[in-house]
C-alpha atoms as a PDB file:
ATOM      1  CA  UNK A   1      37.744 -20.088 -10.775  1.00  0.00           C
ATOM      2  CA  UNK A   2      37.881 -20.992 -14.528  1.00  0.00           C
ATOM      3  CA  UNK A   3      36.550 -18.581 -17.202  1.00  0.00           C
ATOM      4  CA  UNK A   4      32.800 -18.533 -17.781  1.00  0.00           C
ATOM      5  CA  UNK A   5      32.248 -20.320 -14.463  1.00  0.00           C
ATOM      6  CA  UNK A   6      30.428 -18.411 -11.352  1.00  0.00           C
ATOM      7  CA  UNK A   7      31.630 -19.207  -7.981  1.00  0.00           C
ATOM      8  CA  UNK A   8      28.856 -19.948  -5.478  1.00  0.00           C
ATOM      9  CA  UNK A   9      29.268 -16.529  -3.562  1.00  0.00           C
ATOM     10  CA  UNK A  10      28.585 -14.643  -6.924  1.00  0.00           C
ATOM     11  CA  UNK A  11      25.810 -16.684  -7.997  1.00  0.00           C
ATOM     12  CA  UNK A  12      24.203 -16.014  -4.550  1.00  0.00           C
ATOM     13  CA  UNK A  13      24.717 -12.218  -4.779  1.00  0.00           C
ATOM     14  CA  UNK A  14      23.393 -12.380  -8.213  1.00  0.00           C
ATOM     15  CA  UNK A  15      20.288 -14.112  -7.150  1.00  0.00           C
ATOM     16  CA  UNK A  16      19.692 -11.896  -4.309  1.00  0.00           C
ATOM     17  CA  UNK A  17      20.291  -8.807  -6.625  1.00  0.00           C
ATOM     18  CA  UNK A  18      17.674 -10.270  -9.070  1.00  0.00           C
ATOM     19  CA  UNK A  19      15.177 -10.910  -6.403  1.00  0.00           C
ATOM     20  CA  UNK A  20      15.504  -7.584  -4.723  1.00  0.00           C
ATOM     21  CA  UNK A  21      15.144  -5.615  -7.902  1.00  0.00           C
ATOM     22  CA  UNK A  22      12.004  -7.550  -8.853  1.00  0.00           C
ATOM     23  CA  UNK A  23      10.525  -7.233  -5.446  1.00  0.00           C
ATOM     24  CA  UNK A  24      11.401  -3.403  -5.521  1.00  0.00           C
ATOM     25  CA  UNK A  25       9.513  -3.039  -8.828  1.00  0.00           C
ATOM     26  CA  UNK A  26       6.534  -4.879  -7.272  1.00  0.00           C
ATOM     27  CA  UNK A  27       6.761  -2.677  -4.292  1.00  0.00           C
ATOM     28  CA  UNK A  28       6.734   0.582  -6.356  1.00  0.00           C
ATOM     29  CA  UNK A  29       3.520  -1.056  -8.040  1.00  0.00           C
ATOM     30  CA  UNK A  30       2.038  -1.672  -4.825  1.00  0.00           C
ATOM     31  CA  UNK A  31       2.663   1.895  -3.686  1.00  0.00           C
ATOM     32  CA  UNK A  32       1.381   3.268  -7.069  1.00  0.00           C
ATOM     33  CA  UNK A  33      -1.870   1.218  -6.695  1.00  0.00           C
ATOM     34  CA  UNK A  34      -2.199   2.640  -3.102  1.00  0.00           C
ATOM     35  CA  UNK A  35      -1.716   6.287  -4.444  1.00  0.00           C
ATOM     36  CA  UNK A  36      -4.401   5.607  -7.120  1.00  0.00           C
ATOM     37  CA  UNK A  37      -6.821   3.981  -4.531  1.00  0.00           C
ATOM     38  CA  UNK A  38      -6.154   7.093  -2.073  1.00  0.00           C
ATOM     39  CA  UNK A  39      -6.624   9.593  -4.861  1.00  0.00           C
ATOM     40  CA  UNK A  40     -10.033   8.155  -6.059  1.00  0.00           C
ATOM     41  CA  UNK A  41     -11.395   6.649  -2.935  1.00  0.00           C
ATOM     42  CA  UNK A  42      -9.766   6.898   0.313  1.00  0.00           C
ATOM     43  CA  UNK A  43      -8.734  10.487   0.574  1.00  0.00           C
ATOM     44  CA  UNK A  44     -11.677  11.421   2.514  1.00  0.00           C
ATOM     45  CA  UNK A  45     -12.247   8.099   4.618  1.00  0.00           C
ATOM     46  CA  UNK A  46     -11.032   9.031   8.057  1.00  0.00           C
ATOM     47  CA  UNK A  47     -12.399   5.901   9.832  1.00  0.00           C
ATOM     48  CA  UNK A  48      -9.277   4.360  11.232  1.00  0.00           C
ATOM     49  CA  UNK A  49      -7.277   6.956   9.581  1.00  0.00           C
ATOM     50  CA  UNK A  50      -7.360   4.835   6.240  1.00  0.00           C
ATOM     51  CA  UNK A  51      -6.482   8.018   4.264  1.00  0.00           C
ATOM     52  CA  UNK A  52      -3.286   8.386   6.290  1.00  0.00           C
ATOM     53  CA  UNK A  53      -2.693   4.703   6.234  1.00  0.00           C
ATOM     54  CA  UNK A  54      -2.613   4.467   2.457  1.00  0.00           C
ATOM     55  CA  UNK A  55      -0.073   7.463   2.273  1.00  0.00           C
ATOM     56  CA  UNK A  56       1.962   5.785   4.755  1.00  0.00           C
ATOM     57  CA  UNK A  57       1.988   2.594   2.734  1.00  0.00           C
ATOM     58  CA  UNK A  58       2.797   4.245  -0.500  1.00  0.00           C
ATOM     59  CA  UNK A  59       5.622   6.058   1.030  1.00  0.00           C
ATOM     60  CA  UNK A  60       7.057   3.163   2.851  1.00  0.00           C
ATOM     61  CA  UNK A  61       6.846   1.126  -0.353  1.00  0.00           C
ATOM     62  CA  UNK A  62       8.638   3.548  -2.493  1.00  0.00           C
ATOM     63  CA  UNK A  63      11.532   4.060   0.199  1.00  0.00           C
ATOM     64  CA  UNK A  64      11.784   0.460   0.756  1.00  0.00           C
ATOM     65  CA  UNK A  65      12.141  -0.238  -2.934  1.00  0.00           C
ATOM     66  CA  UNK A  66      14.992   2.301  -3.232  1.00  0.00           C
ATOM     67  CA  UNK A  67      16.683   0.785  -0.203  1.00  0.00           C
ATOM     68  CA  UNK A  68      16.375  -2.607  -1.604  1.00  0.00           C
ATOM     69  CA  UNK A  69      17.932  -1.780  -4.873  1.00  0.00           C
ATOM     70  CA  UNK A  70      20.804   0.365  -3.266  1.00  0.00           C
ATOM     71  CA  UNK A  71      21.736  -1.948  -0.161  1.00  0.00           C
ATOM     72  CA  UNK A  72      20.128  -5.289  -0.262  1.00  0.00           C
ATOM     73  CA  UNK A  73      20.858  -5.865   3.300  1.00  0.00           C
ATOM     74  CA  UNK A  74      19.047  -8.645   5.260  1.00  0.00           C
ATOM     75  CA  UNK A  75      17.423  -6.068   7.440  1.00  0.00           C
ATOM     76  CA  UNK A  76      16.086  -4.131   4.651  1.00  0.00           C
ATOM     77  CA  UNK A  77      14.881  -7.239   2.885  1.00  0.00           C
ATOM     78  CA  UNK A  78      13.115  -8.575   5.868  1.00  0.00           C
ATOM     79  CA  UNK A  79      11.479  -5.093   6.564  1.00  0.00           C
ATOM     80  CA  UNK A  80      10.367  -4.935   3.092  1.00  0.00           C
ATOM     81  CA  UNK A  81       8.807  -8.372   3.228  1.00  0.00           C
ATOM     82  CA  UNK A  82       6.973  -7.386   6.486  1.00  0.00           C
ATOM     83  CA  UNK A  83       5.703  -4.329   4.811  1.00  0.00           C
ATOM     84  CA  UNK A  84       4.369  -6.220   1.861  1.00  0.00           C
ATOM     85  CA  UNK A  85       2.949  -9.105   3.904  1.00  0.00           C
ATOM     86  CA  UNK A  86       1.385  -6.588   6.498  1.00  0.00           C
ATOM     87  CA  UNK A  87      -0.216  -4.688   3.630  1.00  0.00           C
ATOM     88  CA  UNK A  88      -1.760  -7.874   2.291  1.00  0.00           C
ATOM     89  CA  UNK A  89      -2.853  -9.107   5.682  1.00  0.00           C
ATOM     90  CA  UNK A  90      -4.330  -5.558   6.298  1.00  0.00           C
ATOM     91  CA  UNK A  91      -6.411  -5.831   3.233  1.00  0.00           C
ATOM     92  CA  UNK A  92      -7.897  -9.170   4.079  1.00  0.00           C
ATOM     93  CA  UNK A  93      -8.725  -8.096   7.590  1.00  0.00           C
ATOM     94  CA  UNK A  94     -10.522  -5.119   6.470  1.00  0.00           C
ATOM     95  CA  UNK A  95     -12.364  -7.145   3.788  1.00  0.00           C
ATOM     96  CA  UNK A  96     -13.394 -10.194   5.756  1.00  0.00           C
ATOM     97  CA  UNK A  97     -13.182  -9.252   9.437  1.00  0.00           C
ATOM     98  CA  UNK A  98     -16.612  -8.011  10.692  1.00  0.00           C
ATOM     99  CA  UNK A  99     -14.904  -5.231  12.902  1.00  0.00           C
ATOM    100  CA  UNK A 100     -12.585  -4.552   9.915  1.00  0.00           C
ATOM    101  CA  UNK A 101      -9.100  -3.019  10.289  1.00  0.00           C
ATOM    102  CA  UNK A 102      -9.014   0.082  12.766  1.00  0.00           C
ATOM    103  CA  UNK A 103     -12.809   0.063  12.648  1.00  0.00           C
ATOM    104  CA  UNK A 104     -12.959   0.304   8.606  1.00  0.00           C
ATOM    105  CA  UNK A 105     -14.468  -2.619   7.063  1.00  0.00           C
ATOM    106  CA  UNK A 106     -14.765  -3.317   3.203  1.00  0.00           C
ATOM    107  CA  UNK A 107     -17.281  -6.108   3.759  1.00  0.00           C
ATOM    108  CA  UNK A 108     -17.212  -9.558   2.114  1.00  0.00           C
ATOM    109  CA  UNK A 109     -18.858  -8.158  -1.200  1.00  0.00           C
ATOM    110  CA  UNK A 110     -16.261  -5.431  -1.964  1.00  0.00           C
ATOM    111  CA  UNK A 111     -14.821  -5.909  -5.285  1.00  0.00           C
ATOM    112  CA  UNK A 112     -12.117  -3.920  -6.979  1.00  0.00           C
ATOM    113  CA  UNK A 113      -9.494  -4.994  -9.522  1.00  0.00           C
ATOM    114  CA  UNK A 114      -6.996  -2.497  -8.107  1.00  0.00           C
ATOM    115  CA  UNK A 115      -7.325  -4.106  -4.604  1.00  0.00           C
ATOM    116  CA  UNK A 116      -6.942  -7.560  -6.362  1.00  0.00           C
ATOM    117  CA  UNK A 117      -3.982  -6.485  -8.234  1.00  0.00           C
ATOM    118  CA  UNK A 118      -2.508  -5.037  -5.075  1.00  0.00           C
ATOM    119  CA  UNK A 119      -3.011  -8.275  -3.189  1.00  0.00           C
ATOM    120  CA  UNK A 120      -1.261 -10.479  -5.942  1.00  0.00           C
ATOM    121  CA  UNK A 121       1.636  -8.068  -6.232  1.00  0.00           C
ATOM    122  CA  UNK A 122       2.151  -7.970  -2.455  1.00  0.00           C
ATOM    123  CA  UNK A 123       2.013 -11.671  -2.201  1.00  0.00           C
ATOM    124  CA  UNK A 124       4.448 -12.183  -4.908  1.00  0.00           C
ATOM    125  CA  UNK A 125       6.816  -9.571  -3.542  1.00  0.00           C
ATOM    126  CA  UNK A 126       6.794 -11.160   0.014  1.00  0.00           C
ATOM    127  CA  UNK A 127       7.628 -14.466  -1.505  1.00  0.00           C
ATOM    128  CA  UNK A 128      10.498 -13.051  -3.534  1.00  0.00           C
ATOM    129  CA  UNK A 129      11.913 -11.373  -0.444  1.00  0.00           C
ATOM    130  CA  UNK A 130      11.534 -14.403   1.754  1.00  0.00           C
ATOM    131  CA  UNK A 131      13.645 -16.185  -0.815  1.00  0.00           C
ATOM    132  CA  UNK A 132      16.117 -13.414  -0.776  1.00  0.00           C
ATOM    133  CA  UNK A 133      16.344 -13.405   3.032  1.00  0.00           C
ATOM    134  CA  UNK A 134      16.794 -17.104   3.101  1.00  0.00           C
ATOM    135  CA  UNK A 135      19.689 -16.908   0.554  1.00  0.00           C
ATOM    136  CA  UNK A 136      21.162 -14.182   2.662  1.00  0.00           C
ATOM    137  CA  UNK A 137      20.938 -16.071   5.827  1.00  0.00           C
ATOM    138  CA  UNK A 138      22.519 -19.200   4.393  1.00  0.00           C
ATOM    139  CA  UNK A 139      25.367 -17.000   2.796  1.00  0.00           C
ATOM    140  CA  UNK A 140      25.966 -15.385   6.124  1.00  0.00           C
ATOM    141  CA  UNK A 141      25.874 -18.928   7.913  1.00  0.00           C
ATOM    142  CA  UNK A 142      28.309 -20.282   5.343  1.00  0.00           C
ATOM    143  CA  UNK A 143      30.835 -17.527   5.802  1.00  0.00           C
ATOM    144  CA  UNK A 144      30.544 -17.461   9.600  1.00  0.00           C
ATOM    145  CA  UNK A 145      33.844 -18.942  11.555  1.00  0.00           C
ATOM    146  CA  UNK A 146      33.532 -22.221  12.945  1.00  0.00           C
ATOM    147  CA  UNK A 147      33.380 -22.264  16.783  1.00  0.00           C
END
C-alpha cells in the first residue's frame, strides 16, 4: 500500500463506520420523537398498549444506536434495520389499516409533523443500515476461505 492510498478493507470499514454512525444518529432522533409523542399524546393510550410500545421503541432505538457505534457487527446492523423498518411499518399499519395496530388506529385523516418526520427518519436509517449490512456481508464473503 502506498502512502495516501486506502486499501479496500480499510475503505469498507470506513464506509460501514460512517453508515452506522449516521444511522445511529437517526435512531436517536427516532427515539426522541417517540419520547415526545409518548409524553404529549400516547402516555395514556392503553389500547394495544401503545403507551408501552412507544417506550419500548425509544429504549430499543437508544440501545441500538449505542451498540451500532460501539460494535458495528452484522447482527447489530440487521437488528437495528429491523427495528427502524418495523417502526415505520407499524406506523403505516396504525394509520392506514382499518383494524389498526394491536387494535389502535390513527385513521387515514391523522396528520402530525412529528409522525411524518419519524417515518422519514426511520426509512432513511433503514436504507443506510441495509447498505452497511450489504458491505459487511460482501467483506465477510471476500475474506472467507475458498472451499
